[in-house]
N, C-alpha and C. Protein backbone atom coordinates (compact mmCIF):
# COMPACT_ATOMS: atom_id res chain seq x y z
N MET A 1 12.81 -15.17 12.55
CA MET A 1 12.40 -14.69 13.84
C MET A 1 11.49 -13.49 13.64
N ASN A 2 10.30 -13.53 14.23
CA ASN A 2 9.39 -12.40 14.15
C ASN A 2 9.81 -11.35 15.16
N SER A 3 9.80 -10.11 14.74
CA SER A 3 10.26 -9.04 15.60
C SER A 3 9.26 -7.89 15.54
N ILE A 4 9.10 -7.18 16.65
CA ILE A 4 8.21 -6.04 16.69
C ILE A 4 8.93 -4.75 16.31
N LEU A 5 10.19 -4.86 15.97
CA LEU A 5 11.00 -3.69 15.66
C LEU A 5 10.67 -3.14 14.29
N PRO A 6 10.76 -1.82 14.11
CA PRO A 6 10.60 -1.24 12.79
C PRO A 6 11.71 -1.69 11.84
N SER A 7 11.45 -1.61 10.57
CA SER A 7 12.42 -2.11 9.58
C SER A 7 13.72 -1.31 9.60
N SER A 8 13.69 -0.05 10.03
CA SER A 8 14.93 0.73 10.09
C SER A 8 15.89 0.20 11.14
N VAL A 9 15.38 -0.43 12.18
CA VAL A 9 16.23 -0.98 13.24
C VAL A 9 16.73 -2.36 12.86
N THR A 10 15.92 -3.12 12.15
CA THR A 10 16.30 -4.49 11.79
C THR A 10 17.02 -4.55 10.45
N SER A 11 17.31 -3.42 9.86
CA SER A 11 18.01 -3.42 8.57
C SER A 11 19.42 -3.98 8.75
N SER A 12 20.04 -4.30 7.64
CA SER A 12 21.37 -4.90 7.71
C SER A 12 22.42 -3.92 8.24
N LEU A 13 22.18 -2.62 8.14
CA LEU A 13 23.15 -1.65 8.66
C LEU A 13 23.19 -1.65 10.18
N ALA A 14 22.07 -1.92 10.83
CA ALA A 14 22.02 -1.94 12.29
C ALA A 14 22.68 -3.18 12.86
N ASN A 15 22.85 -4.22 12.05
CA ASN A 15 23.41 -5.48 12.52
C ASN A 15 24.80 -5.76 11.97
N LYS A 16 25.51 -4.75 11.51
CA LYS A 16 26.86 -4.94 10.96
C LYS A 16 27.88 -5.01 12.09
N CYS A 17 28.85 -5.87 11.92
CA CYS A 17 29.95 -5.99 12.87
C CYS A 17 30.84 -4.76 12.75
N PRO A 18 31.18 -4.09 13.85
CA PRO A 18 32.04 -2.91 13.76
C PRO A 18 33.48 -3.24 13.38
N SER A 19 33.87 -4.49 13.54
CA SER A 19 35.25 -4.88 13.26
C SER A 19 35.45 -5.32 11.81
N CYS A 20 34.63 -6.27 11.35
CA CYS A 20 34.84 -6.84 10.01
C CYS A 20 33.78 -6.43 9.00
N GLY A 21 32.64 -5.90 9.42
CA GLY A 21 31.60 -5.46 8.50
C GLY A 21 30.61 -6.53 8.09
N LYS A 22 30.76 -7.75 8.59
CA LYS A 22 29.81 -8.82 8.27
C LYS A 22 28.52 -8.63 9.06
N THR A 23 27.44 -9.25 8.60
CA THR A 23 26.17 -9.18 9.30
C THR A 23 26.23 -10.06 10.54
N MET A 24 25.83 -9.50 11.67
CA MET A 24 25.86 -10.23 12.94
C MET A 24 24.56 -10.99 13.13
N SER A 25 24.62 -12.11 13.83
CA SER A 25 23.42 -12.89 14.09
C SER A 25 22.85 -12.52 15.46
N ILE A 26 21.53 -12.65 15.59
CA ILE A 26 20.84 -12.34 16.84
C ILE A 26 20.79 -13.62 17.66
N ASP A 27 21.49 -13.62 18.80
CA ASP A 27 21.51 -14.80 19.67
C ASP A 27 20.32 -14.81 20.62
N PHE A 28 19.92 -13.63 21.10
CA PHE A 28 18.89 -13.55 22.12
C PHE A 28 18.14 -12.24 21.93
N GLU A 29 16.81 -12.28 22.04
CA GLU A 29 16.01 -11.06 21.92
C GLU A 29 14.80 -11.17 22.84
N ILE A 30 14.58 -10.14 23.64
CA ILE A 30 13.44 -10.11 24.54
C ILE A 30 12.86 -8.70 24.54
N THR A 31 11.55 -8.59 24.69
CA THR A 31 10.87 -7.30 24.76
C THR A 31 10.25 -7.16 26.14
N ARG A 32 10.44 -6.02 26.75
CA ARG A 32 9.86 -5.77 28.06
C ARG A 32 9.36 -4.34 28.14
N ASP A 33 8.47 -4.08 29.09
CA ASP A 33 7.94 -2.74 29.32
C ASP A 33 8.77 -2.04 30.37
N ASP A 34 9.15 -0.81 30.09
CA ASP A 34 9.87 0.01 31.06
C ASP A 34 8.87 1.04 31.58
N TYR A 35 8.41 0.83 32.80
CA TYR A 35 7.34 1.66 33.35
C TYR A 35 7.84 3.03 33.81
N ARG A 36 9.14 3.19 34.01
CA ARG A 36 9.66 4.50 34.39
C ARG A 36 9.48 5.51 33.27
N TYR A 37 9.76 5.07 32.04
CA TYR A 37 9.69 5.98 30.90
C TYR A 37 8.49 5.71 30.01
N ARG A 38 7.66 4.73 30.38
CA ARG A 38 6.47 4.35 29.61
C ARG A 38 6.82 3.99 28.17
N THR A 39 7.82 3.16 28.03
CA THR A 39 8.26 2.71 26.70
C THR A 39 8.40 1.20 26.70
N LYS A 40 8.60 0.66 25.52
CA LYS A 40 8.99 -0.74 25.37
C LYS A 40 10.49 -0.77 25.12
N VAL A 41 11.15 -1.75 25.70
CA VAL A 41 12.58 -1.90 25.53
C VAL A 41 12.83 -3.26 24.90
N VAL A 42 13.56 -3.26 23.79
CA VAL A 42 13.98 -4.50 23.16
C VAL A 42 15.43 -4.69 23.51
N GLU A 43 15.71 -5.81 24.15
CA GLU A 43 17.07 -6.13 24.57
C GLU A 43 17.53 -7.33 23.76
N ARG A 44 18.66 -7.21 23.09
CA ARG A 44 19.13 -8.33 22.29
C ARG A 44 20.65 -8.43 22.31
N VAL A 45 21.11 -9.64 22.04
CA VAL A 45 22.54 -9.92 22.00
C VAL A 45 22.89 -10.31 20.57
N LEU A 46 23.83 -9.58 19.98
CA LEU A 46 24.30 -9.84 18.62
C LEU A 46 25.69 -10.44 18.69
N SER A 47 25.99 -11.37 17.80
CA SER A 47 27.34 -11.94 17.78
C SER A 47 27.81 -12.11 16.35
N CYS A 48 29.13 -11.93 16.17
CA CYS A 48 29.76 -12.12 14.88
C CYS A 48 30.49 -13.46 14.91
N ASN A 49 30.19 -14.32 13.97
CA ASN A 49 30.82 -15.64 13.94
C ASN A 49 32.27 -15.58 13.50
N LEU A 50 32.64 -14.55 12.75
CA LEU A 50 34.00 -14.43 12.26
C LEU A 50 34.94 -13.85 13.32
N CYS A 51 34.53 -12.77 13.97
CA CYS A 51 35.39 -12.08 14.95
C CYS A 51 35.17 -12.54 16.39
N ARG A 52 34.09 -13.23 16.65
CA ARG A 52 33.71 -13.66 18.01
C ARG A 52 33.40 -12.46 18.91
N ILE A 53 32.88 -11.39 18.33
CA ILE A 53 32.47 -10.21 19.08
C ILE A 53 31.01 -10.39 19.48
N ARG A 54 30.68 -10.02 20.73
CA ARG A 54 29.30 -10.04 21.19
C ARG A 54 28.93 -8.63 21.63
N ILE A 55 27.75 -8.17 21.22
CA ILE A 55 27.27 -6.83 21.53
C ILE A 55 25.90 -6.96 22.16
N ARG A 56 25.70 -6.29 23.30
CA ARG A 56 24.38 -6.21 23.92
C ARG A 56 23.76 -4.89 23.48
N GLN A 57 22.56 -4.96 22.94
CA GLN A 57 21.93 -3.79 22.34
C GLN A 57 20.59 -3.55 23.02
N TYR A 58 20.34 -2.31 23.42
CA TYR A 58 19.07 -1.90 24.01
C TYR A 58 18.41 -0.93 23.05
N ILE A 59 17.17 -1.20 22.68
CA ILE A 59 16.43 -0.35 21.76
C ILE A 59 15.17 0.10 22.47
N TYR A 60 15.00 1.42 22.60
CA TYR A 60 13.82 1.98 23.25
C TYR A 60 12.82 2.38 22.19
N LEU A 61 11.60 1.85 22.28
CA LEU A 61 10.53 2.17 21.35
C LEU A 61 9.56 3.11 22.06
N TRP A 62 9.43 4.34 21.58
CA TRP A 62 8.58 5.33 22.23
C TRP A 62 7.17 5.19 21.79
């Protein structure tokens, strides 16, 4: 999946499951403009196949 995110955000540490420590998969990712703050917002849903945990993550790119 091609992503506009910097490598520090897409590193394996940013996608670790808080419960078991496994790498979480990205189920959904969308980029939109937030005109209130004049930034780009990346909204994505991460899920762990082992724990069945789902996390919604918002990343603001200035």
